[in-house]
N, C-alpha and C. Protein backbone atom coordinates (compact mmCIF):
# COMPACT_ATOMS: atom_id res chain seq x y z
N UNK A 1 64.93 35.94 3.25
CA UNK A 1 64.94 34.71 2.49
C UNK A 1 65.28 35.06 1.04
N UNK A 2 66.26 34.38 0.48
CA UNK A 2 66.62 34.55 -0.91
C UNK A 2 65.69 33.71 -1.78
N UNK A 3 65.23 34.29 -2.87
CA UNK A 3 64.33 33.56 -3.77
C UNK A 3 65.06 32.37 -4.40
N UNK A 4 64.38 31.23 -4.43
CA UNK A 4 64.93 30.05 -5.09
C UNK A 4 64.88 30.26 -6.60
N UNK A 5 65.85 29.74 -7.30
CA UNK A 5 65.91 29.83 -8.76
C UNK A 5 65.32 28.57 -9.36
N UNK A 6 64.32 28.74 -10.24
CA UNK A 6 63.70 27.60 -10.92
C UNK A 6 63.24 28.05 -12.30
N UNK A 7 64.00 27.69 -13.33
CA UNK A 7 63.61 28.04 -14.69
C UNK A 7 62.49 27.11 -15.15
N UNK A 8 61.55 27.66 -15.93
CA UNK A 8 60.38 26.92 -16.39
C UNK A 8 60.43 26.76 -17.91
N UNK A 9 60.07 25.59 -18.39
CA UNK A 9 59.89 25.35 -19.82
C UNK A 9 58.43 24.99 -20.01
N UNK A 10 57.73 25.82 -20.80
CA UNK A 10 56.29 25.72 -20.95
C UNK A 10 55.94 25.49 -22.42
N UNK A 11 55.11 24.49 -22.69
CA UNK A 11 54.65 24.24 -24.05
C UNK A 11 53.46 25.15 -24.35
N UNK A 12 53.55 25.93 -25.42
CA UNK A 12 52.48 26.84 -25.81
C UNK A 12 51.19 26.08 -26.05
N UNK A 13 50.09 26.56 -25.46
CA UNK A 13 48.79 25.97 -25.65
C UNK A 13 48.48 24.76 -24.78
N UNK A 14 49.44 24.35 -23.96
CA UNK A 14 49.25 23.16 -23.11
C UNK A 14 49.05 23.56 -21.66
N UNK A 15 48.38 22.70 -20.92
CA UNK A 15 48.26 22.83 -19.47
C UNK A 15 49.65 22.72 -18.87
N UNK A 16 49.96 23.55 -17.86
CA UNK A 16 51.28 23.51 -17.21
C UNK A 16 51.09 23.68 -15.72
N UNK A 17 51.84 22.91 -14.93
CA UNK A 17 51.73 23.01 -13.48
C UNK A 17 53.08 22.75 -12.85
N UNK A 18 53.40 23.51 -11.80
CA UNK A 18 54.57 23.20 -10.99
C UNK A 18 54.23 23.44 -9.53
N UNK A 19 54.99 22.79 -8.65
CA UNK A 19 54.70 22.91 -7.23
C UNK A 19 55.99 22.95 -6.44
N UNK A 20 55.87 23.25 -5.17
CA UNK A 20 57.02 23.29 -4.29
C UNK A 20 56.60 23.41 -2.85
N UNK A 21 57.59 23.49 -1.98
CA UNK A 21 57.37 23.66 -0.55
C UNK A 21 58.28 24.77 -0.07
N UNK A 22 57.72 25.73 0.66
CA UNK A 22 58.51 26.80 1.26
C UNK A 22 59.07 26.27 2.57
N UNK A 23 60.40 26.35 2.71
CA UNK A 23 61.06 25.80 3.89
C UNK A 23 61.86 26.87 4.62
N UNK A 24 61.93 26.74 5.93
CA UNK A 24 62.78 27.60 6.76
C UNK A 24 64.24 27.15 6.60
N UNK A 25 65.15 27.88 7.21
CA UNK A 25 66.58 27.54 7.13
C UNK A 25 66.86 26.13 7.64
N UNK A 26 66.07 25.64 8.60
CA UNK A 26 66.27 24.29 9.13
C UNK A 26 65.55 23.22 8.30
N UNK A 27 65.02 23.62 7.14
CA UNK A 27 64.33 22.77 6.16
C UNK A 27 62.94 22.33 6.60
N UNK A 28 62.44 22.90 7.69
CA UNK A 28 61.07 22.63 8.13
C UNK A 28 60.12 23.44 7.26
N UNK A 29 58.95 22.89 6.91
CA UNK A 29 58.00 23.65 6.10
C UNK A 29 57.51 24.89 6.84
N UNK A 30 57.33 25.97 6.10
CA UNK A 30 56.80 27.22 6.65
C UNK A 30 55.28 27.18 6.49
N UNK A 31 54.55 27.41 7.57
CA UNK A 31 53.09 27.45 7.49
C UNK A 31 52.67 28.63 6.62
N UNK A 32 51.80 28.37 5.65
CA UNK A 32 51.31 29.43 4.77
C UNK A 32 49.86 29.81 5.10
N UNK A 33 49.40 29.44 6.30
CA UNK A 33 48.06 29.81 6.75
C UNK A 33 47.98 31.34 6.81
N UNK A 34 46.97 31.90 6.17
CA UNK A 34 46.77 33.35 6.17
C UNK A 34 47.54 34.08 5.08
N UNK A 35 48.36 33.36 4.32
CA UNK A 35 49.15 34.00 3.26
C UNK A 35 48.33 34.18 1.99
N UNK A 36 48.71 35.16 1.20
CA UNK A 36 48.26 35.31 -0.16
C UNK A 36 49.45 35.01 -1.07
N UNK A 37 49.21 34.89 -2.37
CA UNK A 37 50.29 34.62 -3.31
C UNK A 37 49.99 35.30 -4.63
N UNK A 38 51.06 35.65 -5.35
CA UNK A 38 50.92 36.26 -6.68
C UNK A 38 52.15 35.95 -7.51
N UNK A 39 51.93 35.87 -8.81
CA UNK A 39 53.01 35.57 -9.75
C UNK A 39 52.70 36.26 -11.07
N UNK A 40 53.74 36.78 -11.71
CA UNK A 40 53.60 37.36 -13.05
C UNK A 40 54.69 36.83 -13.95
N UNK A 41 54.34 36.72 -15.25
CA UNK A 41 55.29 36.37 -16.30
C UNK A 41 55.40 37.58 -17.22
N UNK A 42 56.63 38.02 -17.46
CA UNK A 42 56.89 39.18 -18.32
C UNK A 42 58.01 38.86 -19.30
N UNK A 43 58.05 39.61 -20.39
CA UNK A 43 59.11 39.43 -21.38
C UNK A 43 60.47 39.78 -20.77
N UNK A 44 60.52 40.89 -20.05
CA UNK A 44 61.72 41.34 -19.34
C UNK A 44 61.28 41.85 -17.97
N UNK A 45 62.19 41.89 -17.03
CA UNK A 45 61.85 42.39 -15.69
C UNK A 45 61.23 43.78 -15.73
N UNK A 46 61.76 44.63 -16.61
CA UNK A 46 61.30 46.02 -16.67
C UNK A 46 60.09 46.22 -17.59
N UNK A 47 59.59 45.14 -18.18
CA UNK A 47 58.42 45.22 -19.07
C UNK A 47 57.22 45.76 -18.28
N UNK A 48 56.52 46.78 -18.81
CA UNK A 48 55.41 47.38 -18.05
C UNK A 48 54.18 46.49 -17.92
N UNK A 49 53.99 45.58 -18.87
CA UNK A 49 52.78 44.75 -18.87
C UNK A 49 53.14 43.27 -18.73
N UNK A 50 52.44 42.60 -17.83
CA UNK A 50 52.64 41.16 -17.66
C UNK A 50 51.87 40.40 -18.73
N UNK A 51 52.46 39.33 -19.25
CA UNK A 51 51.76 38.45 -20.20
C UNK A 51 50.69 37.66 -19.46
N UNK A 52 50.98 37.26 -18.23
CA UNK A 52 50.04 36.52 -17.38
C UNK A 52 50.27 36.92 -15.93
N UNK A 53 49.17 37.11 -15.20
CA UNK A 53 49.21 37.37 -13.76
C UNK A 53 48.36 36.32 -13.06
N UNK A 54 48.91 35.73 -12.02
CA UNK A 54 48.19 34.73 -11.23
C UNK A 54 48.11 35.19 -9.78
N UNK A 55 47.05 34.78 -9.10
CA UNK A 55 46.86 35.08 -7.68
C UNK A 55 46.24 33.87 -6.99
N UNK A 56 46.05 33.99 -5.69
CA UNK A 56 45.39 32.93 -4.92
C UNK A 56 44.02 32.65 -5.52
N UNK A 57 43.71 31.39 -5.73
CA UNK A 57 42.42 31.01 -6.27
C UNK A 57 42.28 31.23 -7.77
N UNK A 58 43.25 31.88 -8.36
CA UNK A 58 43.25 32.13 -9.81
C UNK A 58 44.61 31.71 -10.36
N UNK A 59 44.92 30.42 -10.18
CA UNK A 59 46.17 29.87 -10.70
C UNK A 59 47.16 29.47 -9.63
N UNK A 60 46.98 29.95 -8.39
CA UNK A 60 47.89 29.58 -7.30
C UNK A 60 47.08 29.03 -6.13
N UNK A 61 47.51 27.89 -5.62
CA UNK A 61 46.90 27.30 -4.43
C UNK A 61 47.99 27.08 -3.39
N UNK A 62 47.69 27.40 -2.14
CA UNK A 62 48.64 27.19 -1.04
C UNK A 62 48.14 26.07 -0.15
N UNK A 63 49.08 25.30 0.40
CA UNK A 63 48.74 24.13 1.21
C UNK A 63 48.74 24.34 2.70
N UNK A 64 48.61 25.58 3.16
CA UNK A 64 48.49 25.84 4.59
C UNK A 64 49.70 25.42 5.40
N UNK A 65 49.46 24.58 6.41
CA UNK A 65 50.51 24.15 7.35
C UNK A 65 51.67 23.42 6.67
N UNK A 66 51.41 22.79 5.54
CA UNK A 66 52.45 21.99 4.87
C UNK A 66 53.48 22.84 4.15
N UNK A 67 53.20 24.14 3.96
CA UNK A 67 54.12 25.02 3.25
C UNK A 67 54.13 24.82 1.75
N UNK A 68 53.22 24.02 1.24
CA UNK A 68 53.23 23.69 -0.18
C UNK A 68 52.47 24.72 -1.01
N UNK A 69 52.83 24.78 -2.27
CA UNK A 69 52.11 25.62 -3.23
C UNK A 69 52.03 24.89 -4.56
N UNK A 70 51.00 25.23 -5.34
CA UNK A 70 50.83 24.69 -6.68
C UNK A 70 50.47 25.86 -7.59
N UNK A 71 51.19 26.01 -8.69
CA UNK A 71 50.92 27.04 -9.70
C UNK A 71 50.43 26.33 -10.95
N UNK A 72 49.30 26.79 -11.49
CA UNK A 72 48.68 26.16 -12.64
C UNK A 72 48.40 27.19 -13.73
N UNK A 73 48.81 26.85 -14.95
CA UNK A 73 48.49 27.67 -16.13
C UNK A 73 47.67 26.80 -17.08
N UNK A 74 46.55 27.34 -17.56
CA UNK A 74 45.75 26.58 -18.54
C UNK A 74 46.26 26.86 -19.95
N UNK A 75 45.70 26.19 -20.93
CA UNK A 75 46.13 26.34 -22.32
C UNK A 75 46.01 27.76 -22.84
N UNK A 76 44.95 28.47 -22.45
CA UNK A 76 44.80 29.87 -22.89
C UNK A 76 45.92 30.74 -22.33
N UNK A 77 46.30 30.50 -21.08
CA UNK A 77 47.37 31.30 -20.48
C UNK A 77 48.73 30.99 -21.10
N UNK A 78 49.01 29.72 -21.39
CA UNK A 78 50.29 29.41 -22.03
C UNK A 78 50.33 29.92 -23.46
N UNK A 79 49.18 29.98 -24.11
CA UNK A 79 49.09 30.58 -25.45
C UNK A 79 49.35 32.08 -25.37
N UNK A 80 48.81 32.74 -24.35
CA UNK A 80 49.02 34.18 -24.16
C UNK A 80 50.49 34.49 -23.91
N UNK A 81 51.15 33.65 -23.14
CA UNK A 81 52.58 33.85 -22.89
C UNK A 81 53.35 33.70 -24.20
N UNK A 82 53.04 32.66 -24.97
CA UNK A 82 53.73 32.41 -26.25
C UNK A 82 53.51 33.56 -27.23
N UNK A 83 52.32 34.16 -27.21
CA UNK A 83 52.03 35.29 -28.11
C UNK A 83 52.86 36.51 -27.74
N UNK A 84 53.23 36.62 -26.47
CA UNK A 84 53.97 37.79 -26.00
C UNK A 84 55.48 37.62 -26.08
N UNK A 85 55.96 36.36 -26.08
CA UNK A 85 57.41 36.15 -25.98
C UNK A 85 57.79 34.70 -26.28
N UNK A 86 59.05 34.50 -26.63
CA UNK A 86 59.60 33.15 -26.73
C UNK A 86 60.36 32.82 -25.44
N UNK A 87 60.85 33.86 -24.79
CA UNK A 87 61.55 33.73 -23.51
C UNK A 87 61.11 34.89 -22.64
N UNK A 88 61.11 34.65 -21.35
CA UNK A 88 60.72 35.69 -20.42
C UNK A 88 61.21 35.39 -19.02
N UNK A 89 60.62 36.07 -18.05
CA UNK A 89 60.98 35.91 -16.65
C UNK A 89 59.71 35.87 -15.80
N UNK A 90 59.84 35.32 -14.61
CA UNK A 90 58.71 35.28 -13.67
C UNK A 90 59.26 35.38 -12.26
N UNK A 91 58.39 35.73 -11.33
CA UNK A 91 58.68 35.52 -9.93
C UNK A 91 57.38 35.24 -9.18
N UNK A 92 57.52 34.58 -8.05
CA UNK A 92 56.40 34.16 -7.21
C UNK A 92 56.58 34.80 -5.84
N UNK A 93 55.56 35.53 -5.39
CA UNK A 93 55.59 36.23 -4.11
C UNK A 93 54.56 35.64 -3.16
N UNK A 94 54.91 35.61 -1.88
CA UNK A 94 53.97 35.27 -0.82
C UNK A 94 53.74 36.51 0.03
N UNK A 95 52.49 36.73 0.37
CA UNK A 95 52.09 37.91 1.13
C UNK A 95 51.57 37.47 2.50
N UNK A 96 52.39 37.60 3.58
CA UNK A 96 52.01 37.09 4.89
C UNK A 96 50.68 37.62 5.42
N UNK A 97 50.34 38.84 5.10
CA UNK A 97 49.07 39.39 5.59
C UNK A 97 47.96 39.27 4.55
N UNK A 98 48.20 38.50 3.49
CA UNK A 98 47.19 38.26 2.47
C UNK A 98 47.18 39.27 1.34
N UNK A 99 47.88 40.38 1.50
CA UNK A 99 47.95 41.40 0.44
C UNK A 99 49.39 41.89 0.30
N UNK A 100 49.70 42.46 -0.85
CA UNK A 100 51.03 42.99 -1.11
C UNK A 100 51.38 44.03 -0.05
N UNK A 101 52.55 43.85 0.58
CA UNK A 101 52.98 44.78 1.63
C UNK A 101 54.50 44.72 1.76
N UNK A 102 55.03 45.51 2.69
CA UNK A 102 56.46 45.51 2.95
C UNK A 102 56.93 44.17 3.50
N UNK A 103 56.01 43.35 4.00
CA UNK A 103 56.35 42.03 4.55
C UNK A 103 56.30 40.92 3.51
N UNK A 104 55.96 41.24 2.27
CA UNK A 104 55.87 40.24 1.21
C UNK A 104 57.25 39.63 0.94
N UNK A 105 57.24 38.35 0.55
CA UNK A 105 58.47 37.60 0.35
C UNK A 105 58.50 37.02 -1.07
N UNK A 106 59.59 37.29 -1.80
CA UNK A 106 59.77 36.68 -3.12
C UNK A 106 60.41 35.32 -2.89
N UNK A 107 59.67 34.24 -3.17
CA UNK A 107 60.16 32.90 -2.84
C UNK A 107 60.77 32.16 -4.02
N UNK A 108 60.41 32.55 -5.25
CA UNK A 108 60.92 31.83 -6.42
C UNK A 108 60.99 32.77 -7.60
N UNK A 109 61.99 32.56 -8.44
CA UNK A 109 62.13 33.35 -9.65
C UNK A 109 62.91 32.55 -10.69
N UNK A 110 62.80 32.99 -11.94
CA UNK A 110 63.56 32.32 -12.98
C UNK A 110 63.17 32.76 -14.37
N UNK A 111 63.75 32.08 -15.33
CA UNK A 111 63.43 32.34 -16.73
C UNK A 111 62.29 31.44 -17.17
N UNK A 112 61.57 31.89 -18.18
CA UNK A 112 60.50 31.12 -18.79
C UNK A 112 60.89 30.89 -20.25
N UNK A 113 60.93 29.64 -20.66
CA UNK A 113 61.21 29.28 -22.04
C UNK A 113 59.96 28.66 -22.63
N UNK A 114 59.52 29.17 -23.78
CA UNK A 114 58.29 28.70 -24.41
C UNK A 114 58.64 27.73 -25.54
N UNK A 115 58.00 26.56 -25.53
CA UNK A 115 58.17 25.59 -26.60
C UNK A 115 57.02 25.79 -27.60
N UNK A 116 57.35 26.18 -28.80
CA UNK A 116 56.36 26.36 -29.86
C UNK A 116 56.29 25.09 -30.70
N UNK A 117 55.11 24.78 -31.24
CA UNK A 117 55.02 23.58 -32.08
C UNK A 117 55.82 23.75 -33.37
N UNK A 118 56.30 22.64 -33.88
CA UNK A 118 57.04 22.64 -35.15
C UNK A 118 56.12 22.20 -36.27
N UNK A 119 55.42 21.11 -36.05
CA UNK A 119 54.52 20.59 -37.08
C UNK A 119 53.21 21.35 -37.04
N UNK A 120 52.77 21.82 -38.21
CA UNK A 120 51.51 22.57 -38.30
C UNK A 120 50.58 21.91 -39.28
């Protein structure tokens, strides 16, 4: 499965959420029962340290049979991203056996653009 491209625009210090559905080639939802999930935001792909890391129950929720997922960043996390970068990258992985393995699937990736306030 090729990762879907979805660029994110995030306002620094604000709550941010995005969602989606993982679909098979025939567009049927893929059951995510038993899956784990993880996502990181970094300044560059090769950056050694992530500005934010999310996992199941800590920013990522999966919808089981429906194939849906929801990624949530709170104000502290969007502030941390803004402190580390104005632009960056992310990807979202699903782990079929619940943990990172050779069977893990990268389902989404893209650029992250941070909106900083103008008026102070």
